């Protein structure tokens, strides 16, 4: 076995490992996206009655952005990762503000 084939097999293992983590993050992202849609639909039905649903909606969106930021960080796409992490932090702040305002 030559040196290049050992290096190639190591790289293929690393790519498979990143893909498995990426698939798990995609499933988490799908679930959080469905939750965001459900929460916003509940909010739209009756805003006054369901105004407390803003905090879970913001929290789900925040976690969704953070998961995508982790996925892009694993892919070594730093710019996208930083942008998504900043968006996640902003939505986390919005979660705290909406929780304090409505509860």
Protein backbone atom coordinates (compact mmCIF):
# COMPACT_ATOMS: atom_id res chain seq x y z
CA UNK A 1 0.00 0.00 0.00
CA UNK A 2 1.48 3.32 -1.00
CA UNK A 3 1.61 6.49 1.03
CA UNK A 4 -0.96 8.27 -1.14
CA UNK A 5 -3.54 5.48 -0.70
CA UNK A 6 -3.16 5.67 3.11
CA UNK A 7 -3.65 9.41 2.97
CA UNK A 8 -6.65 9.01 0.67
CA UNK A 9 -8.30 6.45 2.95
CA UNK A 10 -7.79 8.76 5.94
CA UNK A 11 -9.42 11.62 4.03
CA UNK A 12 -12.32 9.41 2.96
CA UNK A 13 -12.89 8.39 6.59
CA UNK A 14 -12.91 12.03 7.65
CA UNK A 15 -15.39 12.92 4.87
CA UNK A 16 -17.70 10.06 5.91
CA UNK A 17 -17.51 11.20 9.55
CA UNK A 18 -18.42 14.79 8.60
CA UNK A 19 -21.27 13.52 6.44
CA UNK A 20 -22.72 11.45 9.28
CA UNK A 21 -22.59 14.45 11.61
CA UNK A 22 -24.08 16.57 8.83
CA UNK A 23 -26.94 14.11 8.37
CA UNK A 24 -27.74 14.18 12.09
CA UNK A 25 -27.68 18.00 12.04
CA UNK A 26 -29.96 17.98 8.99
CA UNK A 27 -32.52 15.82 10.84
CA UNK A 28 -32.36 18.13 13.88
CA UNK A 29 -32.71 21.12 11.55
CA UNK A 30 -35.76 19.55 9.88
CA UNK A 31 -37.46 18.95 13.23
CA UNK A 32 -36.70 22.49 14.41
CA UNK A 33 -37.98 23.92 11.12
CA UNK A 34 -41.26 22.06 11.53
CA UNK A 35 -41.52 23.41 15.08
CA UNK A 36 -40.94 26.98 13.85
CA UNK A 37 -43.70 26.57 11.27
CA UNK A 38 -46.10 25.13 13.87
CA UNK A 39 -45.36 27.92 16.38
CA UNK A 40 -45.80 30.68 13.80
CA UNK A 41 -49.03 29.12 12.55
CA UNK A 42 -50.36 29.06 16.12
CA UNK A 43 -49.32 32.70 16.55
CA UNK A 44 -51.09 33.72 13.33
CA UNK A 45 -54.33 31.99 14.34
CA UNK A 46 -54.85 34.24 17.37
CA UNK A 47 -52.12 36.72 18.23
CA UNK A 48 -53.50 37.97 21.54
CA UNK A 49 -54.29 34.53 22.93
CA UNK A 50 -51.05 32.90 21.75
CA UNK A 51 -48.52 35.69 22.19
CA UNK A 52 -46.50 33.49 24.58
CA UNK A 53 -45.55 31.31 21.60
CA UNK A 54 -43.05 33.93 20.38
CA UNK A 55 -40.38 32.70 22.80
CA UNK A 56 -40.48 29.04 21.64
CA UNK A 57 -40.59 30.16 18.00
CA UNK A 58 -37.50 32.33 18.45
CA UNK A 59 -35.77 29.59 20.43
CA UNK A 60 -36.40 27.01 17.70
CA UNK A 61 -35.15 29.39 15.02
CA UNK A 62 -32.08 30.17 17.12
CA UNK A 63 -31.22 26.50 17.61
CA UNK A 64 -31.80 25.90 13.91
CA UNK A 65 -29.26 28.58 12.97
CA UNK A 66 -26.74 27.32 15.52
CA UNK A 67 -27.05 23.75 14.19
CA UNK A 68 -26.47 24.96 10.64
CA UNK A 69 -23.51 27.01 11.86
CA UNK A 70 -21.98 23.89 13.40
CA UNK A 71 -22.56 21.97 10.17
CA UNK A 72 -20.82 24.62 8.07
CA UNK A 73 -18.00 24.82 10.61
CA UNK A 74 -17.43 21.07 10.20
CA UNK A 75 -17.27 21.65 6.43
CA UNK A 76 -14.64 24.37 6.96
CA UNK A 77 -16.91 27.11 5.57
CA UNK A 78 -16.03 29.67 8.20
CA UNK A 79 -17.84 32.73 6.77
CA UNK A 80 -21.20 30.94 6.60
CA UNK A 81 -20.60 29.48 10.05
CA UNK A 82 -19.90 32.87 11.60
CA UNK A 83 -22.96 34.44 9.93
CA UNK A 84 -25.25 31.66 11.14
CA UNK A 85 -23.83 31.78 14.67
CA UNK A 86 -24.40 35.55 14.81
CA UNK A 87 -27.98 35.06 13.60
CA UNK A 88 -28.46 32.32 16.22
CA UNK A 89 -27.17 34.58 19.00
CA UNK A 90 -29.44 37.42 17.81
CA UNK A 91 -32.45 35.10 17.86
CA UNK A 92 -31.44 33.85 21.31
CA UNK A 93 -31.49 37.48 22.52
CA UNK A 94 -34.92 37.88 20.91
CA UNK A 95 -36.03 34.76 22.79
CA UNK A 96 -35.01 36.29 26.11
CA UNK A 97 -36.67 39.62 25.25
CA UNK A 98 -39.94 37.97 24.17
CA UNK A 99 -39.91 35.72 27.23
CA UNK A 100 -39.50 38.74 29.54
CA UNK A 101 -42.13 40.75 27.67
CA UNK A 102 -44.89 38.16 27.45
CA UNK A 103 -44.45 36.06 30.62
